[in-house]
C-alpha cells in the first residue's frame, strides 16, 4: 500500500535545463497552480459575463466572493486598504482554489508544501514592510516600541517585538501548510483502513472518511480566509501602525 505521504511528492512533468544550479522544470505542483489560476479566472469571467440585474447562480457566487473579501478588507483596514483589494482578492482566490482542487481524487495539493506557502507568506511580509516604510519612513520603527513600557524594559521588549515581526511569514506559512498536509494525510490513512478491512469491516472508516472529507472542505475555506485576514491585519499594522 502506498505511503500517505506519497501524494505530496513533486514530480517533474517537463524537464528544463537548470538556471544557476536551480531546477526550473515544470512540475505537477506548477501544473495544479496553473489549473487553479485558470479555474479561478474562468469562474470570475463567466460569472460576471452577463452582469444581470437579477444574478444567476454563477454570478451570485462571484459577487459573494467579491463582497466577502471586500468586507473583510474594509473591517480590518478601513478605506485606506481599498487600493490593495486586487492583491488580497487574488491571494484569497488562489489559495481557496488550490485547497479545493486538492480534494479532487488524483490531484495535487500545492498548498500542502511549505515552499509554496512560505513563498506566499514572504511576499505578503515583504510587501507590507515596503508599504510601511513608504508610508511612514523611519517612523515605522516606532511600531517595535510598545507604548507605556518603562524605558528599562525596552531593552528586552524591542528585540522581542522585532523577532515577533520577523517570524510572521513563518507562522503564516506553517499554519496553511500544516493544516492542509495533516488533513490530506489523515484522509489517506483512513482510506487505507477501508481497503485493508475489506467489504465487511471497511464501512466504519468509510463513514468516518466521508465526515472527514466534509470537514476538510470546510478547512479549505477556513484556511484561505485565515491567510487572507491575517494579511489584512498585517496590512493594517503597516498603514496605521497599530500595535
C-alpha atoms as a PDB file:
ATOM      1  CA  UNK A   1       0.000   0.000   0.000  1.00  0.00           C
ATOM      2  CA  UNK A   2       1.304   3.445  -0.937  1.00  0.00           C
ATOM      3  CA  UNK A   3       2.551   5.728   1.826  1.00  0.00           C
ATOM      4  CA  UNK A   4       0.123   8.505   2.900  1.00  0.00           C
ATOM      5  CA  UNK A   5       2.944  10.974   2.165  1.00  0.00           C
ATOM      6  CA  UNK A   6       3.366   9.805  -1.418  1.00  0.00           C
ATOM      7  CA  UNK A   7       0.583  12.147  -2.532  1.00  0.00           C
ATOM      8  CA  UNK A   8       2.805  15.144  -1.690  1.00  0.00           C
ATOM      9  CA  UNK A   9       5.733  14.094  -3.865  1.00  0.00           C
ATOM     10  CA  UNK A  10       6.708  16.647  -6.507  1.00  0.00           C
ATOM     11  CA  UNK A  11       7.360  15.142  -9.939  1.00  0.00           C
ATOM     12  CA  UNK A  12       8.830  16.978 -12.967  1.00  0.00           C
ATOM     13  CA  UNK A  13       6.492  16.926 -15.958  1.00  0.00           C
ATOM     14  CA  UNK A  14       8.626  18.942 -18.374  1.00  0.00           C
ATOM     15  CA  UNK A  15      12.355  18.750 -17.757  1.00  0.00           C
ATOM     16  CA  UNK A  16      14.140  22.060 -18.309  1.00  0.00           C
ATOM     17  CA  UNK A  17      17.861  22.884 -18.039  1.00  0.00           C
ATOM     18  CA  UNK A  18      18.948  24.257 -14.674  1.00  0.00           C
ATOM     19  CA  UNK A  19      19.423  28.001 -14.305  1.00  0.00           C
ATOM     20  CA  UNK A  20      22.257  28.952 -11.938  1.00  0.00           C
ATOM     21  CA  UNK A  21      22.046  25.481 -10.453  1.00  0.00           C
ATOM     22  CA  UNK A  22      18.297  25.763  -9.793  1.00  0.00           C
ATOM     23  CA  UNK A  23      15.921  23.183 -11.252  1.00  0.00           C
ATOM     24  CA  UNK A  24      13.191  25.129 -13.072  1.00  0.00           C
ATOM     25  CA  UNK A  25      11.389  22.102 -14.527  1.00  0.00           C
ATOM     26  CA  UNK A  26       7.616  22.305 -14.905  1.00  0.00           C
ATOM     27  CA  UNK A  27       6.272  20.075 -12.142  1.00  0.00           C
ATOM     28  CA  UNK A  28       2.939  18.630 -11.064  1.00  0.00           C
ATOM     29  CA  UNK A  29       2.823  21.375  -8.428  1.00  0.00           C
ATOM     30  CA  UNK A  30       3.248  24.064 -11.101  1.00  0.00           C
ATOM     31  CA  UNK A  31       0.594  22.351 -13.237  1.00  0.00           C
ATOM     32  CA  UNK A  32      -2.003  22.476 -10.483  1.00  0.00           C
ATOM     33  CA  UNK A  33      -1.107  26.087  -9.717  1.00  0.00           C
ATOM     34  CA  UNK A  34      -1.785  26.841 -13.382  1.00  0.00           C
ATOM     35  CA  UNK A  35      -5.077  24.961 -13.206  1.00  0.00           C
ATOM     36  CA  UNK A  36      -6.072  26.864 -10.040  1.00  0.00           C
ATOM     37  CA  UNK A  37      -5.363  30.214 -11.714  1.00  0.00           C
ATOM     38  CA  UNK A  38      -7.226  29.135 -14.852  1.00  0.00           C
ATOM     39  CA  UNK A  39     -10.298  27.921 -12.969  1.00  0.00           C
ATOM     40  CA  UNK A  40     -10.425  30.990 -10.717  1.00  0.00           C
ATOM     41  CA  UNK A  41     -10.200  33.254 -13.761  1.00  0.00           C
ATOM     42  CA  UNK A  42     -12.835  31.219 -15.591  1.00  0.00           C
ATOM     43  CA  UNK A  43     -15.123  31.288 -12.557  1.00  0.00           C
ATOM     44  CA  UNK A  44     -14.968  35.090 -12.285  1.00  0.00           C
ATOM     45  CA  UNK A  45     -15.091  35.849 -16.019  1.00  0.00           C
ATOM     46  CA  UNK A  46     -18.024  33.535 -16.733  1.00  0.00           C
ATOM     47  CA  UNK A  47     -19.779  34.558 -13.540  1.00  0.00           C
ATOM     48  CA  UNK A  48     -19.711  38.262 -14.401  1.00  0.00           C
ATOM     49  CA  UNK A  49     -20.085  37.925 -18.171  1.00  0.00           C
ATOM     50  CA  UNK A  50     -23.791  38.733 -18.336  1.00  0.00           C
ATOM     51  CA  UNK A  51     -23.875  41.225 -15.431  1.00  0.00           C
ATOM     52  CA  UNK A  52     -27.578  40.605 -14.980  1.00  0.00           C
ATOM     53  CA  UNK A  53     -29.638  42.792 -12.668  1.00  0.00           C
ATOM     54  CA  UNK A  54     -31.040  39.602 -11.158  1.00  0.00           C
ATOM     55  CA  UNK A  55     -27.934  37.432 -10.869  1.00  0.00           C
ATOM     56  CA  UNK A  56     -27.885  33.740 -11.642  1.00  0.00           C
ATOM     57  CA  UNK A  57     -26.023  31.117  -9.641  1.00  0.00           C
ATOM     58  CA  UNK A  58     -22.566  31.733 -11.097  1.00  0.00           C
ATOM     59  CA  UNK A  59     -22.886  35.499 -10.907  1.00  0.00           C
ATOM     60  CA  UNK A  60     -24.162  35.245  -7.332  1.00  0.00           C
ATOM     61  CA  UNK A  61     -21.164  33.136  -6.295  1.00  0.00           C
ATOM     62  CA  UNK A  62     -18.756  35.541  -7.993  1.00  0.00           C
ATOM     63  CA  UNK A  63     -20.406  38.544  -6.338  1.00  0.00           C
ATOM     64  CA  UNK A  64     -20.420  36.812  -2.938  1.00  0.00           C
ATOM     65  CA  UNK A  65     -16.683  36.099  -3.284  1.00  0.00           C
ATOM     66  CA  UNK A  66     -16.017  39.727  -4.178  1.00  0.00           C
ATOM     67  CA  UNK A  67     -18.205  41.069  -1.386  1.00  0.00           C
ATOM     68  CA  UNK A  68     -16.733  38.664   1.177  1.00  0.00           C
ATOM     69  CA  UNK A  69     -13.150  39.807   0.572  1.00  0.00           C
ATOM     70  CA  UNK A  70     -14.185  43.449   0.247  1.00  0.00           C
ATOM     71  CA  UNK A  71     -15.990  43.362   3.611  1.00  0.00           C
ATOM     72  CA  UNK A  72     -13.063  41.580   5.261  1.00  0.00           C
ATOM     73  CA  UNK A  73     -10.603  44.177   3.971  1.00  0.00           C
ATOM     74  CA  UNK A  74     -12.860  47.058   4.964  1.00  0.00           C
ATOM     75  CA  UNK A  75     -13.348  45.717   8.510  1.00  0.00           C
ATOM     76  CA  UNK A  76      -9.658  45.070   9.084  1.00  0.00           C
ATOM     77  CA  UNK A  77      -8.013  48.023   7.311  1.00  0.00           C
ATOM     78  CA  UNK A  78     -10.745  50.532   6.540  1.00  0.00           C
ATOM     79  CA  UNK A  79     -10.911  52.729   3.454  1.00  0.00           C
ATOM     80  CA  UNK A  80      -7.115  53.016   3.358  1.00  0.00           C
ATOM     81  CA  UNK A  81      -6.901  49.365   2.348  1.00  0.00           C
ATOM     82  CA  UNK A  82      -9.002  49.801  -0.797  1.00  0.00           C
ATOM     83  CA  UNK A  83      -6.015  50.117  -3.196  1.00  0.00           C
ATOM     84  CA  UNK A  84      -4.792  46.698  -2.028  1.00  0.00           C
ATOM     85  CA  UNK A  85      -8.062  44.874  -2.702  1.00  0.00           C
ATOM     86  CA  UNK A  86      -6.886  43.285  -6.006  1.00  0.00           C
ATOM     87  CA  UNK A  87      -3.933  41.654  -4.262  1.00  0.00           C
ATOM     88  CA  UNK A  88      -5.953  40.385  -1.267  1.00  0.00           C
ATOM     89  CA  UNK A  89      -8.709  39.070  -3.548  1.00  0.00           C
ATOM     90  CA  UNK A  90      -6.214  37.324  -5.835  1.00  0.00           C
ATOM     91  CA  UNK A  91      -4.413  35.808  -2.851  1.00  0.00           C
ATOM     92  CA  UNK A  92      -7.659  34.521  -1.329  1.00  0.00           C
ATOM     93  CA  UNK A  93      -8.948  33.002  -4.579  1.00  0.00           C
ATOM     94  CA  UNK A  94      -5.596  31.389  -5.423  1.00  0.00           C
ATOM     95  CA  UNK A  95      -5.322  29.690  -2.033  1.00  0.00           C
ATOM     96  CA  UNK A  96      -9.005  28.724  -1.976  1.00  0.00           C
ATOM     97  CA  UNK A  97      -8.920  27.091  -5.406  1.00  0.00           C
ATOM     98  CA  UNK A  98      -5.610  25.417  -4.575  1.00  0.00           C
ATOM     99  CA  UNK A  99      -7.100  23.971  -1.396  1.00  0.00           C
ATOM    100  CA  UNK A 100     -10.304  22.804  -3.079  1.00  0.00           C
ATOM    101  CA  UNK A 101      -8.521  21.275  -6.062  1.00  0.00           C
ATOM    102  CA  UNK A 102      -6.532  19.191  -3.614  1.00  0.00           C
ATOM    103  CA  UNK A 103      -9.798  17.469  -2.643  1.00  0.00           C
ATOM    104  CA  UNK A 104     -10.232  16.102  -6.176  1.00  0.00           C
ATOM    105  CA  UNK A 105      -9.051  12.468  -6.427  1.00  0.00           C
ATOM    106  CA  UNK A 106      -5.634  12.044  -8.085  1.00  0.00           C
ATOM    107  CA  UNK A 107      -4.981  15.787  -7.951  1.00  0.00           C
ATOM    108  CA  UNK A 108      -2.112  17.570  -6.204  1.00  0.00           C
ATOM    109  CA  UNK A 109      -2.413  19.931  -3.227  1.00  0.00           C
ATOM    110  CA  UNK A 110       0.266  22.549  -3.800  1.00  0.00           C
ATOM    111  CA  UNK A 111      -0.771  24.431  -0.643  1.00  0.00           C
ATOM    112  CA  UNK A 112       0.450  21.428   1.374  1.00  0.00           C
ATOM    113  CA  UNK A 113       4.058  22.324   0.503  1.00  0.00           C
ATOM    114  CA  UNK A 114       5.930  24.695   2.795  1.00  0.00           C
ATOM    115  CA  UNK A 115       7.919  26.188  -0.095  1.00  0.00           C
ATOM    116  CA  UNK A 116       4.676  27.366  -1.731  1.00  0.00           C
ATOM    117  CA  UNK A 117       3.038  28.697   1.424  1.00  0.00           C
ATOM    118  CA  UNK A 118       6.272  30.352   2.569  1.00  0.00           C
ATOM    119  CA  UNK A 119       6.646  31.990  -0.842  1.00  0.00           C
ATOM    120  CA  UNK A 120       3.166  33.478  -0.481  1.00  0.00           C
ATOM    121  CA  UNK A 121       3.744  34.475   3.150  1.00  0.00           C
ATOM    122  CA  UNK A 122       7.123  36.048   2.445  1.00  0.00           C
ATOM    123  CA  UNK A 123       5.621  38.037  -0.440  1.00  0.00           C
ATOM    124  CA  UNK A 124       2.998  39.374   1.965  1.00  0.00           C
ATOM    125  CA  UNK A 125       5.636  40.128   4.613  1.00  0.00           C
ATOM    126  CA  UNK A 126       7.909  41.926   2.147  1.00  0.00           C
ATOM    127  CA  UNK A 127       5.016  43.839   0.615  1.00  0.00           C
ATOM    128  CA  UNK A 128       3.571  45.181   3.883  1.00  0.00           C
ATOM    129  CA  UNK A 129       7.059  46.109   5.128  1.00  0.00           C
ATOM    130  CA  UNK A 130       7.727  48.106   1.952  1.00  0.00           C
ATOM    131  CA  UNK A 131       4.313  49.772   2.284  1.00  0.00           C
ATOM    132  CA  UNK A 132       5.052  50.643   5.926  1.00  0.00           C
ATOM    133  CA  UNK A 133       8.404  52.282   5.119  1.00  0.00           C
ATOM    134  CA  UNK A 134       6.973  54.038   2.043  1.00  0.00           C
ATOM    135  CA  UNK A 135       4.106  55.482   4.091  1.00  0.00           C
ATOM    136  CA  UNK A 136       5.866  56.292   7.372  1.00  0.00           C
ATOM    137  CA  UNK A 137       9.571  56.278   6.608  1.00  0.00           C
ATOM    138  CA  UNK A 138      11.842  55.701   9.599  1.00  0.00           C
ATOM    139  CA  UNK A 139       8.882  56.410  11.898  1.00  0.00           C
ATOM    140  CA  UNK A 140       7.719  52.867  11.135  1.00  0.00           C
ATOM    141  CA  UNK A 141      10.399  51.638  13.558  1.00  0.00           C
ATOM    142  CA  UNK A 142       8.261  53.044  16.371  1.00  0.00           C
ATOM    143  CA  UNK A 143       5.990  50.045  15.750  1.00  0.00           C
ATOM    144  CA  UNK A 144       8.532  47.934  17.642  1.00  0.00           C
ATOM    145  CA  UNK A 145       8.428  50.190  20.710  1.00  0.00           C
ATOM    146  CA  UNK A 146       5.396  49.244  22.850  1.00  0.00           C
ATOM    147  CA  UNK A 147       3.568  52.201  24.355  1.00  0.00           C
ATOM    148  CA  UNK A 148       3.563  52.654  28.105  1.00  0.00           C
ATOM    149  CA  UNK A 149       6.528  50.352  28.703  1.00  0.00           C
ATOM    150  CA  UNK A 150       9.242  51.658  31.092  1.00  0.00           C
ATOM    151  CA  UNK A 151      12.481  52.634  29.364  1.00  0.00           C
ATOM    152  CA  UNK A 152      14.406  49.958  31.232  1.00  0.00           C
ATOM    153  CA  UNK A 153      12.130  47.259  29.793  1.00  0.00           C
ATOM    154  CA  UNK A 154      12.609  48.468  26.221  1.00  0.00           C
ATOM    155  CA  UNK A 155      15.978  46.684  26.012  1.00  0.00           C
ATOM    156  CA  UNK A 156      14.038  43.456  26.409  1.00  0.00           C
ATOM    157  CA  UNK A 157      10.763  44.304  24.680  1.00  0.00           C
ATOM    158  CA  UNK A 158      12.107  45.824  21.443  1.00  0.00           C
ATOM    159  CA  UNK A 159      14.119  42.701  20.432  1.00  0.00           C
ATOM    160  CA  UNK A 160      11.074  40.548  21.260  1.00  0.00           C
ATOM    161  CA  UNK A 161       8.842  42.751  19.092  1.00  0.00           C
ATOM    162  CA  UNK A 162      11.324  42.640  16.206  1.00  0.00           C
ATOM    163  CA  UNK A 163      11.633  38.861  16.483  1.00  0.00           C
ATOM    164  CA  UNK A 164       7.854  38.521  16.602  1.00  0.00           C
ATOM    165  CA  UNK A 165       7.560  40.636  13.444  1.00  0.00           C
ATOM    166  CA  UNK A 166      10.226  38.631  11.600  1.00  0.00           C
ATOM    167  CA  UNK A 167       8.503  35.327  12.411  1.00  0.00           C
ATOM    168  CA  UNK A 168       5.249  36.418  10.778  1.00  0.00           C
ATOM    169  CA  UNK A 169       5.955  34.751   7.405  1.00  0.00           C
ATOM    170  CA  UNK A 170       6.997  31.555   9.201  1.00  0.00           C
ATOM    171  CA  UNK A 171       3.822  31.290  11.288  1.00  0.00           C
ATOM    172  CA  UNK A 172       1.626  32.317   8.357  1.00  0.00           C
ATOM    173  CA  UNK A 173       3.123  29.710   6.026  1.00  0.00           C
ATOM    174  CA  UNK A 174       3.255  26.864   8.554  1.00  0.00           C
ATOM    175  CA  UNK A 175      -0.389  27.345   9.533  1.00  0.00           C
ATOM    176  CA  UNK A 176      -1.620  26.777   5.966  1.00  0.00           C
ATOM    177  CA  UNK A 177       0.890  24.071   5.058  1.00  0.00           C
ATOM    178  CA  UNK A 178       0.402  22.064   8.277  1.00  0.00           C
ATOM    179  CA  UNK A 179      -3.399  22.102   8.140  1.00  0.00           C
ATOM    180  CA  UNK A 180      -3.589  21.016   4.510  1.00  0.00           C
ATOM    181  CA  UNK A 181      -0.910  18.345   4.847  1.00  0.00           C
ATOM    182  CA  UNK A 182      -2.334  16.912   8.078  1.00  0.00           C
ATOM    183  CA  UNK A 183      -5.877  16.772   6.700  1.00  0.00           C
ATOM    184  CA  UNK A 184      -4.922  15.021   3.470  1.00  0.00           C
ATOM    185  CA  UNK A 185      -2.647  12.586   5.299  1.00  0.00           C
ATOM    186  CA  UNK A 186      -5.459  11.654   7.676  1.00  0.00           C
ATOM    187  CA  UNK A 187      -7.861  11.053   4.765  1.00  0.00           C
ATOM    188  CA  UNK A 188      -5.292   8.832   3.075  1.00  0.00           C
ATOM    189  CA  UNK A 189      -4.703   6.818   6.263  1.00  0.00           C
ATOM    190  CA  UNK A 190      -8.413   6.120   6.781  1.00  0.00           C
ATOM    191  CA  UNK A 191      -8.795   5.283   3.094  1.00  0.00           C
ATOM    192  CA  UNK A 192      -6.097   2.655   3.637  1.00  0.00           C
ATOM    193  CA  UNK A 193      -8.151   1.182   6.502  1.00  0.00           C
ATOM    194  CA  UNK A 194     -11.143   0.862   4.178  1.00  0.00           C
ATOM    195  CA  UNK A 195      -9.130  -1.217   1.715  1.00  0.00           C
ATOM    196  CA  UNK A 196      -7.355  -3.217   4.406  1.00  0.00           C
ATOM    197  CA  UNK A 197     -10.505  -4.173   6.351  1.00  0.00           C
ATOM    198  CA  UNK A 198     -12.423  -5.189   3.256  1.00  0.00           C
ATOM    199  CA  UNK A 199     -16.106  -5.056   2.435  1.00  0.00           C
ATOM    200  CA  UNK A 200     -17.332  -6.122   5.896  1.00  0.00           C
ATOM    201  CA  UNK A 201     -15.066  -4.154   8.182  1.00  0.00           C
ATOM    202  CA  UNK A 202     -14.432  -1.124   5.976  1.00  0.00           C
ATOM    203  CA  UNK A 203     -17.798   0.540   6.430  1.00  0.00           C
ATOM    204  CA  UNK A 204     -16.790   2.300   9.676  1.00  0.00           C
ATOM    205  CA  UNK A 205     -13.643   4.014   8.313  1.00  0.00           C
ATOM    206  CA  UNK A 206     -15.594   4.759   5.112  1.00  0.00           C
ATOM    207  CA  UNK A 207     -18.286   6.594   7.076  1.00  0.00           C
ATOM    208  CA  UNK A 208     -15.616   8.435   9.045  1.00  0.00           C
ATOM    209  CA  UNK A 209     -13.797   9.357   5.849  1.00  0.00           C
ATOM    210  CA  UNK A 210     -16.990  10.869   4.411  1.00  0.00           C
ATOM    211  CA  UNK A 211     -17.353  13.029   7.528  1.00  0.00           C
ATOM    212  CA  UNK A 212     -13.666  13.973   7.436  1.00  0.00           C
ATOM    213  CA  UNK A 213     -13.956  14.900   3.756  1.00  0.00           C
ATOM    214  CA  UNK A 214     -16.757  17.340   4.564  1.00  0.00           C
ATOM    215  CA  UNK A 215     -14.707  18.733   7.427  1.00  0.00           C
ATOM    216  CA  UNK A 216     -11.639  19.056   5.186  1.00  0.00           C
ATOM    217  CA  UNK A 217     -13.642  21.033   2.610  1.00  0.00           C
ATOM    218  CA  UNK A 218     -14.612  23.407   5.422  1.00  0.00           C
ATOM    219  CA  UNK A 219     -10.919  23.649   6.386  1.00  0.00           C
ATOM    220  CA  UNK A 220     -10.113  24.574   2.751  1.00  0.00           C
ATOM    221  CA  UNK A 221     -12.328  27.644   3.023  1.00  0.00           C
ATOM    222  CA  UNK A 222     -11.245  28.421   6.565  1.00  0.00           C
ATOM    223  CA  UNK A 223      -7.514  28.331   5.814  1.00  0.00           C
ATOM    224  CA  UNK A 224      -7.910  30.575   2.764  1.00  0.00           C
ATOM    225  CA  UNK A 225      -9.859  33.002   4.962  1.00  0.00           C
ATOM    226  CA  UNK A 226      -7.299  32.883   7.800  1.00  0.00           C
ATOM    227  CA  UNK A 227      -4.412  33.558   5.414  1.00  0.00           C
ATOM    228  CA  UNK A 228      -6.262  36.482   3.828  1.00  0.00           C
ATOM    229  CA  UNK A 229      -7.483  38.008   7.098  1.00  0.00           C
ATOM    230  CA  UNK A 230      -4.006  37.831   8.668  1.00  0.00           C
ATOM    231  CA  UNK A 231      -2.649  39.530   5.565  1.00  0.00           C
ATOM    232  CA  UNK A 232      -5.235  42.288   6.121  1.00  0.00           C
ATOM    233  CA  UNK A 233      -4.191  42.596   9.772  1.00  0.00           C
ATOM    234  CA  UNK A 234      -0.522  42.925   8.796  1.00  0.00           C
ATOM    235  CA  UNK A 235      -1.512  45.499   6.190  1.00  0.00           C
ATOM    236  CA  UNK A 236      -3.459  47.411   8.820  1.00  0.00           C
ATOM    237  CA  UNK A 237      -0.364  47.471  11.054  1.00  0.00           C
ATOM    238  CA  UNK A 238       1.711  48.818   8.170  1.00  0.00           C
ATOM    239  CA  UNK A 239      -0.757  51.557   7.266  1.00  0.00           C
ATOM    240  CA  UNK A 240      -1.944  52.676  10.697  1.00  0.00           C
ATOM    241  CA  UNK A 241       0.969  51.498  12.887  1.00  0.00           C
ATOM    242  CA  UNK A 242      -1.484  49.861  15.256  1.00  0.00           C
ATOM    243  CA  UNK A 243       0.177  47.821  17.952  1.00  0.00           C
END
